[in-house]
Amino acid sequence: MAAHLDRIIDRILVNPNLLAPERRVLTLYFGDLVGFGALAESLEAPKLAELMADYFAAMSHEVQERHGHVDKYLGDGLMACWNA
């Protein structure tokens, strides 16, 4: 991840105009787990944390494979965007 950020910073240093605002059509994804509340109540905290880590890793991988960006994790869900 740090190498990716270094490349972005290097591009901006060479061309500061990359920070100029522009209009774009974006695709946004908001996803969460159906039934998460009941699931969370039925699992011990370490098992729930492991399950969520696996879920977020898999979802993040799928977003990145499709050239998207995970913007944030929201409890039991995530927000991702494309073309931002």
PDB file of N, CA and C in Angstrom:
ATOM      1  N   MET A   1       0.827  -1.187   0.000  1.00  0.00           N
ATOM      2  CA  MET A   1       0.000   0.000   0.000  1.00  0.00           C
ATOM      3  C   MET A   1       0.870   1.250   0.000  1.00  0.00           C
ATOM      4  N   ALA A   2       1.940   1.264   0.792  1.00  0.00           N
ATOM      5  CA  ALA A   2       2.793   2.451   0.874  1.00  0.00           C
ATOM      6  C   ALA A   2       3.449   2.755  -0.470  1.00  0.00           C
ATOM      7  N   ALA A   3       3.851   1.721  -1.200  1.00  0.00           N
ATOM      8  CA  ALA A   3       4.469   1.940  -2.515  1.00  0.00           C
ATOM      9  C   ALA A   3       3.471   2.594  -3.464  1.00  0.00           C
ATOM     10  N   HIS A   4       2.206   2.192  -3.368  1.00  0.00           N
ATOM     11  CA  HIS A   4       1.160   2.783  -4.195  1.00  0.00           C
ATOM     12  C   HIS A   4       1.016   4.271  -3.870  1.00  0.00           C
ATOM     13  N   LEU A   5       1.014   4.607  -2.597  1.00  0.00           N
ATOM     14  CA  LEU A   5       0.903   6.012  -2.192  1.00  0.00           C
ATOM     15  C   LEU A   5       2.130   6.806  -2.618  1.00  0.00           C
ATOM     16  N   ASP A   6       3.285   6.201  -2.545  1.00  0.00           N
ATOM     17  CA  ASP A   6       4.509   6.878  -2.991  1.00  0.00           C
ATOM     18  C   ASP A   6       4.428   7.244  -4.472  1.00  0.00           C
ATOM     19  N   ARG A   7       3.888   6.338  -5.288  1.00  0.00           N
ATOM     20  CA  ARG A   7       3.737   6.623  -6.718  1.00  0.00           C
ATOM     21  C   ARG A   7       2.762   7.779  -6.949  1.00  0.00           C
ATOM     22  N   ILE A   8       1.692   7.802  -6.180  1.00  0.00           N
ATOM     23  CA  ILE A   8       0.721   8.899  -6.309  1.00  0.00           C
ATOM     24  C   ILE A   8       1.371  10.221  -5.932  1.00  0.00           C
ATOM     25  N   ILE A   9       2.081  10.239  -4.836  1.00  0.00           N
ATOM     26  CA  ILE A   9       2.752  11.469  -4.384  1.00  0.00           C
ATOM     27  C   ILE A   9       3.771  11.937  -5.409  1.00  0.00           C
ATOM     28  N   ASP A  10       4.542  11.006  -5.948  1.00  0.00           N
ATOM     29  CA  ASP A  10       5.532  11.361  -6.976  1.00  0.00           C
ATOM     30  C   ASP A  10       4.859  11.982  -8.195  1.00  0.00           C
ATOM     31  N   ARG A  11       3.713  11.430  -8.621  1.00  0.00           N
ATOM     32  CA  ARG A  11       2.996  11.989  -9.784  1.00  0.00           C
ATOM     33  C   ARG A  11       2.503  13.407  -9.488  1.00  0.00           C
ATOM     34  N   ILE A  12       2.025  13.629  -8.279  1.00  0.00           N
ATOM     35  CA  ILE A  12       1.528  14.964  -7.909  1.00  0.00           C
ATOM     36  C   ILE A  12       2.670  15.966  -7.832  1.00  0.00           C
ATOM     37  N   LEU A  13       3.820  15.545  -7.318  1.00  0.00           N
ATOM     38  CA  LEU A  13       4.969  16.454  -7.238  1.00  0.00           C
ATOM     39  C   LEU A  13       5.442  16.876  -8.623  1.00  0.00           C
ATOM     40  N   VAL A  14       5.370  15.965  -9.578  1.00  0.00           N
ATOM     41  CA  VAL A  14       5.761  16.279 -10.948  1.00  0.00           C
ATOM     42  C   VAL A  14       4.707  17.158 -11.617  1.00  0.00           C
ATOM     43  N   ASN A  15       3.441  16.910 -11.325  1.00  0.00           N
ATOM     44  CA  ASN A  15       2.354  17.648 -11.967  1.00  0.00           C
ATOM     45  C   ASN A  15       1.300  18.049 -10.926  1.00  0.00           C
ATOM     46  N   PRO A  16       1.470  19.192 -10.241  1.00  0.00           N
ATOM     47  CA  PRO A  16       0.515  19.625  -9.216  1.00  0.00           C
ATOM     48  C   PRO A  16      -0.905  19.839  -9.753  1.00  0.00           C
ATOM     49  N   ASN A  17      -1.050  20.000 -11.067  1.00  0.00           N
ATOM     50  CA  ASN A  17      -2.386  20.168 -11.650  1.00  0.00           C
ATOM     51  C   ASN A  17      -3.270  18.931 -11.460  1.00  0.00           C
ATOM     52  N   LEU A  18      -2.667  17.807 -11.093  1.00  0.00           N
ATOM     53  CA  LEU A  18      -3.455  16.606 -10.831  1.00  0.00           C
ATOM     54  C   LEU A  18      -4.399  16.801  -9.647  1.00  0.00           C
ATOM     55  N   LEU A  19      -4.130  17.808  -8.810  1.00  0.00           N
ATOM     56  CA  LEU A  19      -4.991  18.096  -7.670  1.00  0.00           C
ATOM     57  C   LEU A  19      -6.146  19.035  -8.014  1.00  0.00           C
ATOM     58  N   ALA A  20      -6.165  19.540  -9.237  1.00  0.00           N
ATOM     59  CA  ALA A  20      -7.233  20.452  -9.655  1.00  0.00           C
ATOM     60  C   ALA A  20      -8.568  19.703  -9.660  1.00  0.00           C
ATOM     61  N   PRO A  21      -9.637  20.358  -9.178  1.00  0.00           N
ATOM     62  CA  PRO A  21     -10.945  19.685  -9.172  1.00  0.00           C
ATOM     63  C   PRO A  21     -11.455  19.447 -10.588  1.00  0.00           C
ATOM     64  N   GLU A  22     -12.217  18.385 -10.753  1.00  0.00           N
ATOM     65  CA  GLU A  22     -12.854  18.080 -12.030  1.00  0.00           C
ATOM     66  C   GLU A  22     -14.114  17.273 -11.768  1.00  0.00           C
ATOM     67  N   ARG A  23     -15.053  17.368 -12.692  1.00  0.00           N
ATOM     68  CA  ARG A  23     -16.284  16.579 -12.585  1.00  0.00           C
ATOM     69  C   ARG A  23     -16.056  15.213 -13.222  1.00  0.00           C
ATOM     70  N   ARG A  24     -16.586  14.176 -12.546  1.00  0.00           N
ATOM     71  CA  ARG A  24     -16.495  12.819 -13.058  1.00  0.00           C
ATOM     72  C   ARG A  24     -17.773  12.060 -12.720  1.00  0.00           C
ATOM     73  N   VAL A  25     -18.062  11.085 -13.526  1.00  0.00           N
ATOM     74  CA  VAL A  25     -19.130  10.145 -13.202  1.00  0.00           C
ATOM     75  C   VAL A  25     -18.497   9.046 -12.354  1.00  0.00           C
ATOM     76  N   LEU A  26     -19.039   8.819 -11.174  1.00  0.00           N
ATOM     77  CA  LEU A  26     -18.502   7.816 -10.256  1.00  0.00           C
ATOM     78  C   LEU A  26     -19.466   6.650 -10.129  1.00  0.00           C
ATOM     79  N   THR A  27     -18.914   5.520  -9.800  1.00  0.00           N
ATOM     80  CA  THR A  27     -19.717   4.375  -9.404  1.00  0.00           C
ATOM     81  C   THR A  27     -19.418   4.130  -7.935  1.00  0.00           C
ATOM     82  N   LEU A  28     -20.472   4.080  -7.110  1.00  0.00           N
ATOM     83  CA  LEU A  28     -20.321   3.854  -5.673  1.00  0.00           C
ATOM     84  C   LEU A  28     -20.967   2.535  -5.299  1.00  0.00           C
ATOM     85  N   TYR A  29     -20.368   1.866  -4.340  1.00  0.00           N
ATOM     86  CA  TYR A  29     -20.899   0.608  -3.825  1.00  0.00           C
ATOM     87  C   TYR A  29     -21.009   0.721  -2.310  1.00  0.00           C
ATOM     88  N   PHE A  30     -22.184   0.431  -1.792  1.00  0.00           N
ATOM     89  CA  PHE A  30     -22.403   0.345  -0.355  1.00  0.00           C
ATOM     90  C   PHE A  30     -22.893  -1.069  -0.083  1.00  0.00           C
ATOM     91  N   GLY A  31     -22.196  -1.792   0.744  1.00  0.00           N
ATOM     92  CA  GLY A  31     -22.604  -3.160   1.047  1.00  0.00           C
ATOM     93  C   GLY A  31     -22.525  -3.435   2.530  1.00  0.00           C
ATOM     94  N   ASP A  32     -23.444  -4.258   3.011  1.00  0.00           N
ATOM     95  CA  ASP A  32     -23.373  -4.710   4.390  1.00  0.00           C
ATOM     96  C   ASP A  32     -23.912  -6.124   4.466  1.00  0.00           C
ATOM     97  N   LEU A  33     -23.750  -6.735   5.622  1.00  0.00           N
ATOM     98  CA  LEU A  33     -24.149  -8.120   5.812  1.00  0.00           C
ATOM     99  C   LEU A  33     -25.570  -8.194   6.363  1.00  0.00           C
ATOM    100  N   VAL A  34     -26.446  -8.900   5.678  1.00  0.00           N
ATOM    101  CA  VAL A  34     -27.805  -9.123   6.154  1.00  0.00           C
ATOM    102  C   VAL A  34     -27.732 -10.031   7.388  1.00  0.00           C
ATOM    103  N   GLY A  35     -28.439  -9.662   8.425  1.00  0.00           N
ATOM    104  CA  GLY A  35     -28.483 -10.491   9.630  1.00  0.00           C
ATOM    105  C   GLY A  35     -27.261 -10.363  10.515  1.00  0.00           C
ATOM    106  N   PHE A  36     -26.477  -9.297  10.331  1.00  0.00           N
ATOM    107  CA  PHE A  36     -25.241  -9.169  11.093  1.00  0.00           C
ATOM    108  C   PHE A  36     -25.496  -9.058  12.600  1.00  0.00           C
ATOM    109  N   GLY A  37     -26.528  -8.351  12.993  1.00  0.00           N
ATOM    110  CA  GLY A  37     -26.804  -8.178  14.424  1.00  0.00           C
ATOM    111  C   GLY A  37     -26.984  -9.516  15.123  1.00  0.00           C
ATOM    112  N   ALA A  38     -27.800 -10.375  14.553  1.00  0.00           N
ATOM    113  CA  ALA A  38     -28.032 -11.696  15.146  1.00  0.00           C
ATOM    114  C   ALA A  38     -26.750 -12.527  15.131  1.00  0.00           C
ATOM    115  N   LEU A  39     -25.997 -12.429  14.050  1.00  0.00           N
ATOM    116  CA  LEU A  39     -24.733 -13.163  13.960  1.00  0.00           C
ATOM    117  C   LEU A  39     -23.767 -12.686  15.033  1.00  0.00           C
ATOM    118  N   ALA A  40     -23.655 -11.379  15.200  1.00  0.00           N
ATOM    119  CA  ALA A  40     -22.732 -10.815  16.186  1.00  0.00           C
ATOM    120  C   ALA A  40     -23.097 -11.252  17.598  1.00  0.00           C
ATOM    121  N   GLU A  41     -24.380 -11.358  17.865  1.00  0.00           N
ATOM    122  CA  GLU A  41     -24.820 -11.781  19.197  1.00  0.00           C
ATOM    123  C   GLU A  41     -24.550 -13.255  19.459  1.00  0.00           C
ATOM    124  N   SER A  42     -24.413 -14.041  18.403  1.00  0.00           N
ATOM    125  CA  SER A  42     -24.249 -15.489  18.566  1.00  0.00           C
ATOM    126  C   SER A  42     -22.786 -15.935  18.608  1.00  0.00           C
ATOM    127  N   LEU A  43     -21.851 -15.033  18.328  1.00  0.00           N
ATOM    128  CA  LEU A  43     -20.431 -15.405  18.274  1.00  0.00           C
ATOM    129  C   LEU A  43     -19.640 -14.727  19.383  1.00  0.00           C
ATOM    130  N   GLU A  44     -18.595 -15.399  19.820  1.00  0.00           N
ATOM    131  CA  GLU A  44     -17.640 -14.787  20.741  1.00  0.00           C
ATOM    132  C   GLU A  44     -16.871 -13.706  19.978  1.00  0.00           C
ATOM    133  N   ALA A  45     -16.434 -12.676  20.687  1.00  0.00           N
ATOM    134  CA  ALA A  45     -15.772 -11.530  20.054  1.00  0.00           C
ATOM    135  C   ALA A  45     -14.578 -11.919  19.185  1.00  0.00           C
ATOM    136  N   PRO A  46     -13.672 -12.793  19.655  1.00  0.00           N
ATOM    137  CA  PRO A  46     -12.527 -13.139  18.783  1.00  0.00           C
ATOM    138  C   PRO A  46     -12.958 -13.816  17.480  1.00  0.00           C
ATOM    139  N   LYS A  47     -13.969 -14.674  17.548  1.00  0.00           N
ATOM    140  CA  LYS A  47     -14.443 -15.359  16.340  1.00  0.00           C
ATOM    141  C   LYS A  47     -15.106 -14.359  15.390  1.00  0.00           C
ATOM    142  N   LEU A  48     -15.879 -13.428  15.941  1.00  0.00           N
ATOM    143  CA  LEU A  48     -16.521 -12.396  15.120  1.00  0.00           C
ATOM    144  C   LEU A  48     -15.468 -11.515  14.459  1.00  0.00           C
ATOM    145  N   ALA A  49     -14.437 -11.128  15.207  1.00  0.00           N
ATOM    146  CA  ALA A  49     -13.363 -10.299  14.647  1.00  0.00           C
ATOM    147  C   ALA A  49     -12.644 -11.031  13.520  1.00  0.00           C
ATOM    148  N   GLU A  50     -12.404 -12.317  13.680  1.00  0.00           N
ATOM    149  CA  GLU A  50     -11.752 -13.116  12.633  1.00  0.00           C
ATOM    150  C   GLU A  50     -12.638 -13.199  11.385  1.00  0.00           C
ATOM    151  N   LEU A  51     -13.919 -13.426  11.602  1.00  0.00           N
ATOM    152  CA  LEU A  51     -14.863 -13.508  10.486  1.00  0.00           C
ATOM    153  C   LEU A  51     -14.915 -12.188   9.719  1.00  0.00           C
ATOM    154  N   MET A  52     -14.982 -11.076  10.440  1.00  0.00           N
ATOM    155  CA  MET A  52     -15.062  -9.770   9.791  1.00  0.00           C
ATOM    156  C   MET A  52     -13.757  -9.441   9.057  1.00  0.00           C
ATOM    157  N   ALA A  53     -12.623  -9.801   9.643  1.00  0.00           N
ATOM    158  CA  ALA A  53     -11.342  -9.562   8.976  1.00  0.00           C
ATOM    159  C   ALA A  53     -11.278 -10.334   7.656  1.00  0.00           C
ATOM    160  N   ASP A  54     -11.730 -11.576   7.679  1.00  0.00           N
ATOM    161  CA  ASP A  54     -11.748 -12.384   6.453  1.00  0.00           C
ATOM    162  C   ASP A  54     -12.701 -11.789   5.419  1.00  0.00           C
ATOM    163  N   TYR A  55     -13.873 -11.362   5.866  1.00  0.00           N
ATOM    164  CA  TYR A  55     -14.868 -10.760   4.972  1.00  0.00           C
ATOM    165  C   TYR A  55     -14.322  -9.485   4.333  1.00  0.00           C
ATOM    166  N   PHE A  56     -13.769  -8.588   5.164  1.00  0.00           N
ATOM    167  CA  PHE A  56     -13.251  -7.333   4.619  1.00  0.00           C
ATOM    168  C   PHE A  56     -12.060  -7.571   3.694  1.00  0.00           C
ATOM    169  N   ALA A  57     -11.220  -8.536   4.005  1.00  0.00           N
ATOM    170  CA  ALA A  57     -10.087  -8.847   3.128  1.00  0.00           C
ATOM    171  C   ALA A  57     -10.588  -9.347   1.770  1.00  0.00           C
ATOM    172  N   ALA A  58     -11.573 -10.229   1.783  1.00  0.00           N
ATOM    173  CA  ALA A  58     -12.108 -10.768   0.526  1.00  0.00           C
ATOM    174  C   ALA A  58     -12.796  -9.671  -0.289  1.00  0.00           C
ATOM    175  N   MET A  59     -13.605  -8.854   0.365  1.00  0.00           N
ATOM    176  CA  MET A  59     -14.312  -7.784  -0.346  1.00  0.00           C
ATOM    177  C   MET A  59     -13.335  -6.751  -0.886  1.00  0.00           C
ATOM    178  N   SER A  60     -12.338  -6.394  -0.096  1.00  0.00           N
ATOM    179  CA  SER A  60     -11.336  -5.420  -0.545  1.00  0.00           C
ATOM    180  C   SER A  60     -10.588  -5.944  -1.757  1.00  0.00           C
ATOM    181  N   HIS A  61     -10.251  -7.221  -1.727  1.00  0.00           N
ATOM    182  CA  HIS A  61      -9.562  -7.840  -2.861  1.00  0.00           C
ATOM    183  C   HIS A  61     -10.426  -7.745  -4.125  1.00  0.00           C
ATOM    184  N   GLU A  62     -11.714  -8.071  -4.003  1.00  0.00           N
ATOM    185  CA  GLU A  62     -12.606  -8.026  -5.162  1.00  0.00           C
ATOM    186  C   GLU A  62     -12.718  -6.613  -5.722  1.00  0.00           C
ATOM    187  N   VAL A  63     -12.834  -5.619  -4.847  1.00  0.00           N
ATOM    188  CA  VAL A  63     -12.919  -4.223  -5.303  1.00  0.00           C
ATOM    189  C   VAL A  63     -11.636  -3.839  -6.034  1.00  0.00           C
ATOM    190  N   GLN A  64     -10.492  -4.140  -5.437  1.00  0.00           N
ATOM    191  CA  GLN A  64      -9.206  -3.761  -6.032  1.00  0.00           C
ATOM    192  C   GLN A  64      -8.944  -4.507  -7.327  1.00  0.00           C
ATOM    193  N   GLU A  65      -9.363  -5.752  -7.427  1.00  0.00           N
ATOM    194  CA  GLU A  65      -9.204  -6.516  -8.668  1.00  0.00           C
ATOM    195  C   GLU A  65      -9.965  -5.860  -9.815  1.00  0.00           C
ATOM    196  N   ARG A  66     -11.006  -5.132  -9.471  1.00  0.00           N
ATOM    197  CA  ARG A  66     -11.828  -4.458 -10.476  1.00  0.00           C
ATOM    198  C   ARG A  66     -11.499  -2.975 -10.559  1.00  0.00           C
ATOM    199  N   HIS A  67     -10.287  -2.632 -10.112  1.00  0.00           N
ATOM    200  CA  HIS A  67      -9.729  -1.278 -10.189  1.00  0.00           C
ATOM    201  C   HIS A  67     -10.545  -0.253  -9.418  1.00  0.00           C
ATOM    202  N   GLY A  68     -11.151  -0.696  -8.327  1.00  0.00           N
ATOM    203  CA  GLY A  68     -11.884   0.201  -7.450  1.00  0.00           C
ATOM    204  C   GLY A  68     -11.045   0.572  -6.242  1.00  0.00           C
ATOM    205  N   HIS A  69     -11.635   1.392  -5.396  1.00  0.00           N
ATOM    206  CA  HIS A  69     -10.975   1.878  -4.191  1.00  0.00           C
ATOM    207  C   HIS A  69     -11.936   1.722  -3.017  1.00  0.00           C
ATOM    208  N   VAL A  70     -11.502   1.034  -1.960  1.00  0.00           N
ATOM    209  CA  VAL A  70     -12.326   0.954  -0.751  1.00  0.00           C
ATOM    210  C   VAL A  70     -12.178   2.279  -0.023  1.00  0.00           C
ATOM    211  N   ASP A  71     -13.273   2.995   0.106  1.00  0.00           N
ATOM    212  CA  ASP A  71     -13.262   4.306   0.745  1.00  0.00           C
ATOM    213  C   ASP A  71     -13.281   4.163   2.257  1.00  0.00           C
ATOM    214  N   LYS A  72     -14.156   3.293   2.766  1.00  0.00           N
ATOM    215  CA  LYS A  72     -14.237   3.118   4.215  1.00  0.00           C
ATOM    216  C   LYS A  72     -14.962   1.835   4.568  1.00  0.00           C
ATOM    217  N   TYR A  73     -14.693   1.388   5.769  1.00  0.00           N
ATOM    218  CA  TYR A  73     -15.406   0.259   6.349  1.00  0.00           C
ATOM    219  C   TYR A  73     -16.438   0.836   7.308  1.00  0.00           C
ATOM    220  N   LEU A  74     -17.659   0.349   7.217  1.00  0.00           N
ATOM    221  CA  LEU A  74     -18.773   0.896   7.986  1.00  0.00           C
ATOM    222  C   LEU A  74     -19.394  -0.202   8.835  1.00  0.00           C
ATOM    223  N   GLY A  75     -18.859  -0.433  10.004  1.00  0.00           N
ATOM    224  CA  GLY A  75     -19.409  -1.484  10.862  1.00  0.00           C
ATOM    225  C   GLY A  75     -19.273  -2.838  10.202  1.00  0.00           C
ATOM    226  N   ASP A  76     -20.384  -3.359   9.677  1.00  0.00           N
ATOM    227  CA  ASP A  76     -20.369  -4.663   9.007  1.00  0.00           C
ATOM    228  C   ASP A  76     -20.387  -4.532   7.489  1.00  0.00           C
ATOM    229  N   GLY A  77     -20.113  -3.346   6.982  1.00  0.00           N
ATOM    230  CA  GLY A  77     -20.139  -3.141   5.542  1.00  0.00           C
ATOM    231  C   GLY A  77     -18.974  -2.290   5.077  1.00  0.00           C
ATOM    232  N   LEU A  78     -18.996  -1.972   3.799  1.00  0.00           N
ATOM    233  CA  LEU A  78     -17.956  -1.122   3.264  1.00  0.00           C
ATOM    234  C   LEU A  78     -18.507  -0.264   2.140  1.00  0.00           C
ATOM    235  N   MET A  79     -17.783   0.810   1.885  1.00  0.00           N
ATOM    236  CA  MET A  79     -18.096   1.708   0.779  1.00  0.00           C
ATOM    237  C   MET A  79     -16.905   1.685  -0.168  1.00  0.00           C
ATOM    238  N   ALA A  80     -17.189   1.503  -1.438  1.00  0.00           N
ATOM    239  CA  ALA A  80     -16.128   1.491  -2.455  1.00  0.00           C
ATOM    240  C   ALA A  80     -16.550   2.402  -3.601  1.00  0.00           C
ATOM    241  N   CYS A  81     -15.567   2.847  -4.359  1.00  0.00           N
ATOM    242  CA  CYS A  81     -15.862   3.725  -5.496  1.00  0.00           C
ATOM    243  C   CYS A  81     -14.929   3.398  -6.657  1.00  0.00           C
ATOM    244  N   TRP A  82     -15.409   3.777  -7.820  1.00  0.00           N
ATOM    245  CA  TRP A  82     -14.650   3.639  -9.053  1.00  0.00           C
ATOM    246  C   TRP A  82     -14.660   4.985  -9.761  1.00  0.00           C
ATOM    247  N   ASN A  83     -13.553   5.309 -10.426  1.00  0.00           N
ATOM    248  CA  ASN A  83     -13.375   6.512 -11.230  1.00  0.00           C
ATOM    249  C   ASN A  83     -13.282   7.783 -10.381  1.00  0.00           C
ATOM    250  N   ALA A  84     -12.886   7.640  -9.138  1.00  0.00           N
ATOM    251  CA  ALA A  84     -12.744   8.831  -8.273  1.00  0.00           C
ATOM    252  C   ALA A  84     -11.353   9.418  -8.427  1.00  0.00           C
TER     253      ALA A  84
END
